Amino acid sequence: MSSDCLFCSIVRGEIPADVVSQTEHTIAFRDINPQADVHVLVVPRLHEPDIASLAAADPDVTIALIAETLRIAQAESGGQYRLVFNTGEAAGQTVFHAHGHVLGGHLHSPLPS
């Protein structure tokens, strides 16, 4: 974990979040600036800057992250959803801790950051 990472602080319970689920490898919470009717972030407990780095560092955690993202997508959006994994600042990533966006319902803007 990184001491200056927002999502690591949420994982450690230092910053409150509207938690949707927790597993051994992930924590999922509602985005504080939702870009759709349903907007849940699914974050691995392991700190890696993006999904590609996570996949290289720990494929099992990556699989757990994607599996939990899909489970939440089904539960939260009735089977119609968008999954987004931004990688890099130019792609809209603003928190450099791997995470997936689960978006369902009407989108409020074109792409989440």
N, C-alpha and C. Protein backbone atom coordinates (compact mmCIF):
# COMPACT_ATOMS: atom_id res chain seq x y z
N MET A 1 0.84 -1.18 0.00
CA MET A 1 0.00 0.00 0.00
C MET A 1 0.88 1.24 0.00
N SER A 2 0.30 2.28 -0.52
CA SER A 2 1.01 3.55 -0.60
C SER A 2 0.43 4.52 0.44
N SER A 3 1.30 5.20 1.16
CA SER A 3 0.83 6.08 2.23
C SER A 3 0.13 7.33 1.70
N ASP A 4 0.43 7.75 0.47
CA ASP A 4 -0.17 8.96 -0.07
C ASP A 4 -1.25 8.69 -1.12
N CYS A 5 -1.72 7.47 -1.23
CA CYS A 5 -2.73 7.09 -2.23
C CYS A 5 -4.13 7.16 -1.62
N LEU A 6 -5.03 7.88 -2.28
CA LEU A 6 -6.41 8.02 -1.83
C LEU A 6 -7.08 6.66 -1.65
N PHE A 7 -6.96 5.79 -2.65
CA PHE A 7 -7.63 4.50 -2.56
C PHE A 7 -7.01 3.60 -1.50
N CYS A 8 -5.70 3.68 -1.29
CA CYS A 8 -5.08 2.92 -0.20
C CYS A 8 -5.63 3.40 1.14
N SER A 9 -5.86 4.69 1.28
CA SER A 9 -6.45 5.23 2.52
C SER A 9 -7.86 4.70 2.73
N ILE A 10 -8.62 4.55 1.65
CA ILE A 10 -9.97 3.97 1.75
C ILE A 10 -9.87 2.49 2.14
N VAL A 11 -8.96 1.76 1.49
CA VAL A 11 -8.76 0.34 1.81
C VAL A 11 -8.41 0.17 3.29
N ARG A 12 -7.58 1.05 3.83
CA ARG A 12 -7.18 0.97 5.24
C ARG A 12 -8.27 1.47 6.19
N GLY A 13 -9.34 2.04 5.67
CA GLY A 13 -10.43 2.55 6.51
C GLY A 13 -10.16 3.94 7.08
N GLU A 14 -9.15 4.63 6.57
CA GLU A 14 -8.80 5.96 7.07
C GLU A 14 -9.70 7.05 6.49
N ILE A 15 -10.25 6.79 5.32
CA ILE A 15 -11.19 7.71 4.66
C ILE A 15 -12.49 6.97 4.48
N PRO A 16 -13.61 7.55 4.90
CA PRO A 16 -14.89 6.86 4.76
C PRO A 16 -15.32 6.75 3.30
N ALA A 17 -16.06 5.70 3.01
CA ALA A 17 -16.59 5.47 1.67
C ALA A 17 -17.92 4.73 1.81
N ASP A 18 -18.77 4.88 0.81
CA ASP A 18 -20.04 4.15 0.74
C ASP A 18 -19.75 2.78 0.14
N VAL A 19 -19.33 1.85 1.00
CA VAL A 19 -18.85 0.54 0.57
C VAL A 19 -20.01 -0.34 0.12
N VAL A 20 -19.83 -0.92 -1.06
CA VAL A 20 -20.81 -1.83 -1.67
C VAL A 20 -20.45 -3.28 -1.33
N SER A 21 -19.16 -3.59 -1.38
CA SER A 21 -18.72 -4.96 -1.05
C SER A 21 -17.24 -4.95 -0.69
N GLN A 22 -16.85 -6.00 0.01
CA GLN A 22 -15.44 -6.23 0.33
C GLN A 22 -15.16 -7.71 0.18
N THR A 23 -14.02 -8.01 -0.41
CA THR A 23 -13.56 -9.40 -0.51
C THR A 23 -12.12 -9.43 0.00
N GLU A 24 -11.54 -10.60 -0.02
CA GLU A 24 -10.14 -10.75 0.39
C GLU A 24 -9.23 -9.84 -0.43
N HIS A 25 -9.55 -9.66 -1.73
CA HIS A 25 -8.67 -8.93 -2.64
C HIS A 25 -9.18 -7.56 -3.07
N THR A 26 -10.45 -7.25 -2.80
CA THR A 26 -11.02 -6.01 -3.34
C THR A 26 -11.90 -5.29 -2.33
N ILE A 27 -12.12 -4.02 -2.62
CA ILE A 27 -13.14 -3.24 -1.94
C ILE A 27 -13.86 -2.44 -3.03
N ALA A 28 -15.17 -2.36 -2.94
CA ALA A 28 -15.96 -1.63 -3.93
C ALA A 28 -16.79 -0.58 -3.20
N PHE A 29 -16.84 0.61 -3.78
CA PHE A 29 -17.58 1.71 -3.15
C PHE A 29 -18.15 2.63 -4.23
N ARG A 30 -19.17 3.37 -3.85
CA ARG A 30 -19.82 4.29 -4.78
C ARG A 30 -18.92 5.50 -5.03
N ASP A 31 -18.85 5.91 -6.29
CA ASP A 31 -18.05 7.07 -6.67
C ASP A 31 -18.69 8.32 -6.08
N ILE A 32 -17.88 9.22 -5.53
CA ILE A 32 -18.43 10.44 -4.92
C ILE A 32 -18.85 11.47 -5.98
N ASN A 33 -18.44 11.26 -7.22
CA ASN A 33 -18.84 12.12 -8.33
C ASN A 33 -19.37 11.22 -9.45
N PRO A 34 -20.55 10.61 -9.26
CA PRO A 34 -21.04 9.60 -10.21
C PRO A 34 -21.23 10.15 -11.61
N GLN A 35 -20.81 9.36 -12.57
CA GLN A 35 -20.94 9.70 -13.98
C GLN A 35 -22.08 8.94 -14.64
N ALA A 36 -22.84 8.18 -13.85
CA ALA A 36 -23.98 7.41 -14.34
C ALA A 36 -24.90 7.13 -13.14
N ASP A 37 -26.10 6.65 -13.43
CA ASP A 37 -27.03 6.32 -12.36
C ASP A 37 -26.40 5.35 -11.36
N VAL A 38 -25.68 4.36 -11.88
CA VAL A 38 -24.89 3.44 -11.05
C VAL A 38 -23.43 3.73 -11.38
N HIS A 39 -22.63 4.05 -10.37
CA HIS A 39 -21.20 4.27 -10.59
C HIS A 39 -20.47 3.78 -9.35
N VAL A 40 -19.93 2.57 -9.47
CA VAL A 40 -19.21 1.91 -8.37
C VAL A 40 -17.77 1.71 -8.81
N LEU A 41 -16.84 2.02 -7.92
CA LEU A 41 -15.42 1.76 -8.16
C LEU A 41 -15.04 0.46 -7.46
N VAL A 42 -14.35 -0.41 -8.17
CA VAL A 42 -13.87 -1.66 -7.60
C VAL A 42 -12.34 -1.59 -7.60
N VAL A 43 -11.77 -1.67 -6.40
CA VAL A 43 -10.35 -1.38 -6.18
C VAL A 43 -9.68 -2.61 -5.58
N PRO A 44 -8.53 -3.01 -6.12
CA PRO A 44 -7.80 -4.09 -5.45
C PRO A 44 -7.14 -3.56 -4.17
N ARG A 45 -7.03 -4.40 -3.19
CA ARG A 45 -6.35 -4.00 -1.95
C ARG A 45 -4.85 -3.80 -2.20
N LEU A 46 -4.32 -4.49 -3.17
CA LEU A 46 -2.92 -4.38 -3.57
C LEU A 46 -2.73 -3.10 -4.38
N HIS A 47 -1.77 -2.28 -4.00
CA HIS A 47 -1.52 -1.03 -4.74
C HIS A 47 -0.65 -1.30 -5.96
N GLU A 48 -1.23 -1.05 -7.11
CA GLU A 48 -0.52 -0.99 -8.40
C GLU A 48 -1.12 0.19 -9.13
N PRO A 49 -0.35 0.91 -9.93
CA PRO A 49 -0.84 2.16 -10.50
C PRO A 49 -1.95 2.02 -11.54
N ASP A 50 -2.05 0.87 -12.22
CA ASP A 50 -3.07 0.71 -13.24
C ASP A 50 -3.31 -0.77 -13.49
N ILE A 51 -4.31 -1.08 -14.31
CA ILE A 51 -4.72 -2.47 -14.53
C ILE A 51 -3.60 -3.27 -15.19
N ALA A 52 -2.84 -2.66 -16.09
CA ALA A 52 -1.74 -3.38 -16.74
C ALA A 52 -0.65 -3.75 -15.74
N SER A 53 -0.32 -2.82 -14.86
CA SER A 53 0.68 -3.10 -13.82
C SER A 53 0.19 -4.17 -12.86
N LEU A 54 -1.10 -4.11 -12.52
CA LEU A 54 -1.68 -5.12 -11.64
C LEU A 54 -1.61 -6.50 -12.29
N ALA A 55 -1.96 -6.58 -13.57
CA ALA A 55 -1.93 -7.86 -14.28
C ALA A 55 -0.53 -8.45 -14.30
N ALA A 56 0.48 -7.59 -14.49
CA ALA A 56 1.87 -8.07 -14.50
C ALA A 56 2.32 -8.49 -13.10
N ALA A 57 1.90 -7.75 -12.07
CA ALA A 57 2.36 -8.00 -10.71
C ALA A 57 1.67 -9.20 -10.07
N ASP A 58 0.37 -9.35 -10.31
CA ASP A 58 -0.38 -10.40 -9.63
C ASP A 58 -1.63 -10.79 -10.43
N PRO A 59 -1.48 -11.75 -11.35
CA PRO A 59 -2.62 -12.16 -12.18
C PRO A 59 -3.82 -12.65 -11.36
N ASP A 60 -3.58 -13.30 -10.21
CA ASP A 60 -4.69 -13.80 -9.40
C ASP A 60 -5.53 -12.66 -8.82
N VAL A 61 -4.88 -11.60 -8.37
CA VAL A 61 -5.62 -10.43 -7.86
C VAL A 61 -6.36 -9.76 -9.01
N THR A 62 -5.75 -9.74 -10.19
CA THR A 62 -6.41 -9.16 -11.36
C THR A 62 -7.69 -9.92 -11.68
N ILE A 63 -7.62 -11.23 -11.66
CA ILE A 63 -8.80 -12.06 -11.92
C ILE A 63 -9.86 -11.80 -10.86
N ALA A 64 -9.45 -11.72 -9.60
CA ALA A 64 -10.40 -11.45 -8.51
C ALA A 64 -11.05 -10.08 -8.69
N LEU A 65 -10.27 -9.09 -9.12
CA LEU A 65 -10.81 -7.75 -9.35
C LEU A 65 -11.84 -7.77 -10.47
N ILE A 66 -11.54 -8.40 -11.56
CA ILE A 66 -12.48 -8.45 -12.68
C ILE A 66 -13.71 -9.26 -12.31
N ALA A 67 -13.54 -10.36 -11.62
CA ALA A 67 -14.69 -11.18 -11.19
C ALA A 67 -15.62 -10.38 -10.28
N GLU A 68 -15.05 -9.62 -9.34
CA GLU A 68 -15.89 -8.83 -8.43
C GLU A 68 -16.55 -7.67 -9.19
N THR A 69 -15.83 -7.09 -10.14
CA THR A 69 -16.41 -6.03 -10.96
C THR A 69 -17.62 -6.55 -11.72
N LEU A 70 -17.51 -7.72 -12.30
CA LEU A 70 -18.64 -8.31 -13.03
C LEU A 70 -19.79 -8.67 -12.10
N ARG A 71 -19.49 -9.20 -10.92
CA ARG A 71 -20.54 -9.53 -9.96
C ARG A 71 -21.32 -8.28 -9.56
N ILE A 72 -20.61 -7.20 -9.27
CA ILE A 72 -21.26 -5.95 -8.89
C ILE A 72 -22.05 -5.39 -10.06
N ALA A 73 -21.51 -5.46 -11.26
CA ALA A 73 -22.21 -4.97 -12.44
C ALA A 73 -23.56 -5.67 -12.60
N GLN A 74 -23.57 -6.97 -12.44
CA GLN A 74 -24.83 -7.73 -12.55
C GLN A 74 -25.80 -7.33 -11.44
N ALA A 75 -25.31 -7.23 -10.22
CA ALA A 75 -26.17 -6.92 -9.07
C ALA A 75 -26.70 -5.50 -9.10
N GLU A 76 -25.89 -4.55 -9.52
CA GLU A 76 -26.24 -3.14 -9.44
C GLU A 76 -26.99 -2.62 -10.66
N SER A 77 -26.80 -3.24 -11.82
CA SER A 77 -27.35 -2.64 -13.03
C SER A 77 -28.24 -3.57 -13.85
N GLY A 78 -28.64 -4.70 -13.27
CA GLY A 78 -29.57 -5.57 -13.97
C GLY A 78 -29.06 -6.16 -15.27
N GLY A 79 -27.76 -6.29 -15.39
CA GLY A 79 -27.20 -6.96 -16.56
C GLY A 79 -26.87 -6.04 -17.72
N GLN A 80 -27.12 -4.75 -17.59
CA GLN A 80 -26.75 -3.80 -18.64
C GLN A 80 -25.80 -2.78 -18.03
N TYR A 81 -24.55 -2.81 -18.46
CA TYR A 81 -23.54 -2.01 -17.78
C TYR A 81 -22.36 -1.74 -18.70
N ARG A 82 -21.51 -0.85 -18.25
CA ARG A 82 -20.23 -0.56 -18.89
C ARG A 82 -19.15 -0.75 -17.83
N LEU A 83 -18.06 -1.39 -18.21
CA LEU A 83 -16.89 -1.53 -17.35
C LEU A 83 -15.77 -0.70 -17.96
N VAL A 84 -15.13 0.13 -17.14
CA VAL A 84 -14.06 1.00 -17.63
C VAL A 84 -12.85 0.86 -16.72
N PHE A 85 -11.69 0.62 -17.34
CA PHE A 85 -10.40 0.62 -16.64
C PHE A 85 -9.52 1.64 -17.36
N ASN A 86 -9.43 2.86 -16.83
CA ASN A 86 -8.57 3.88 -17.43
C ASN A 86 -7.12 3.59 -17.06
N THR A 87 -6.23 3.76 -18.03
CA THR A 87 -4.80 3.55 -17.80
C THR A 87 -4.04 4.74 -18.34
N GLY A 88 -3.55 5.57 -17.43
CA GLY A 88 -2.76 6.73 -17.80
C GLY A 88 -3.56 8.02 -17.79
N GLU A 89 -2.85 9.10 -17.55
CA GLU A 89 -3.48 10.42 -17.45
C GLU A 89 -4.22 10.80 -18.74
N ALA A 90 -3.61 10.53 -19.89
CA ALA A 90 -4.24 10.88 -21.17
C ALA A 90 -5.53 10.10 -21.41
N ALA A 91 -5.68 8.96 -20.73
CA ALA A 91 -6.90 8.16 -20.85
C ALA A 91 -7.94 8.55 -19.80
N GLY A 92 -7.63 9.55 -18.98
CA GLY A 92 -8.59 10.01 -17.98
C GLY A 92 -8.37 9.48 -16.58
N GLN A 93 -7.29 8.74 -16.34
CA GLN A 93 -7.04 8.23 -15.00
C GLN A 93 -6.58 9.37 -14.10
N THR A 94 -7.24 9.53 -12.96
CA THR A 94 -6.87 10.60 -12.02
C THR A 94 -6.35 10.07 -10.69
N VAL A 95 -6.68 8.84 -10.34
CA VAL A 95 -6.13 8.19 -9.14
C VAL A 95 -5.30 7.02 -9.64
N PHE A 96 -4.02 7.04 -9.33
CA PHE A 96 -3.10 6.05 -9.88
C PHE A 96 -2.95 4.85 -8.95
N HIS A 97 -4.09 4.20 -8.77
CA HIS A 97 -4.24 2.92 -8.08
C HIS A 97 -5.24 2.18 -8.97
N ALA A 98 -4.87 1.02 -9.46
CA ALA A 98 -5.74 0.28 -10.38
C ALA A 98 -7.17 0.24 -9.84
N HIS A 99 -8.13 0.43 -10.72
CA HIS A 99 -9.53 0.35 -10.32
C HIS A 99 -10.42 0.27 -11.55
N GLY A 100 -11.55 -0.39 -11.36
CA GLY A 100 -12.54 -0.48 -12.42
C GLY A 100 -13.76 0.33 -12.07
N HIS A 101 -14.34 0.95 -13.08
CA HIS A 101 -15.60 1.67 -12.92
C HIS A 101 -16.72 0.78 -13.42
N VAL A 102 -17.75 0.58 -12.61
CA VAL A 102 -18.97 -0.10 -13.03
C VAL A 102 -20.00 1.01 -13.26
N LEU A 103 -20.46 1.13 -14.49
CA LEU A 103 -21.42 2.17 -14.85
C LEU A 103 -22.68 1.52 -15.37
N GLY A 104 -23.81 1.94 -14.84
CA GLY A 104 -25.09 1.40 -15.30
C GLY A 104 -26.14 2.49 -15.34
N GLY A 105 -27.21 2.24 -16.07
CA GLY A 105 -28.25 3.24 -16.21
C GLY A 105 -27.81 4.34 -17.15
N HIS A 106 -28.38 5.49 -16.99
CA HIS A 106 -28.07 6.63 -17.86
C HIS A 106 -26.73 7.23 -17.49
N LEU A 107 -25.88 7.46 -18.49
CA LEU A 107 -24.60 8.10 -18.26
C LEU A 107 -24.81 9.60 -18.08
N HIS A 108 -24.09 10.19 -17.15
CA HIS A 108 -24.16 11.62 -16.90
C HIS A 108 -23.14 12.39 -17.70
N SER A 109 -22.07 11.72 -18.17
CA SER A 109 -21.04 12.32 -19.01
C SER A 109 -20.45 11.22 -19.87
N PRO A 110 -19.69 11.56 -20.91
CA PRO A 110 -19.19 10.55 -21.85
C PRO A 110 -18.29 9.49 -21.22
N LEU A 111 -17.29 9.88 -20.42
CA LEU A 111 -16.35 8.91 -19.84
C LEU A 111 -16.00 9.30 -18.42
N PRO A 112 -15.89 8.31 -17.52
CA PRO A 112 -15.45 8.62 -16.16
C PRO A 112 -13.95 8.83 -16.12
N SER A 113 -13.49 9.48 -15.08
CA SER A 113 -12.04 9.64 -14.93
C SER A 113 -11.55 8.83 -13.75
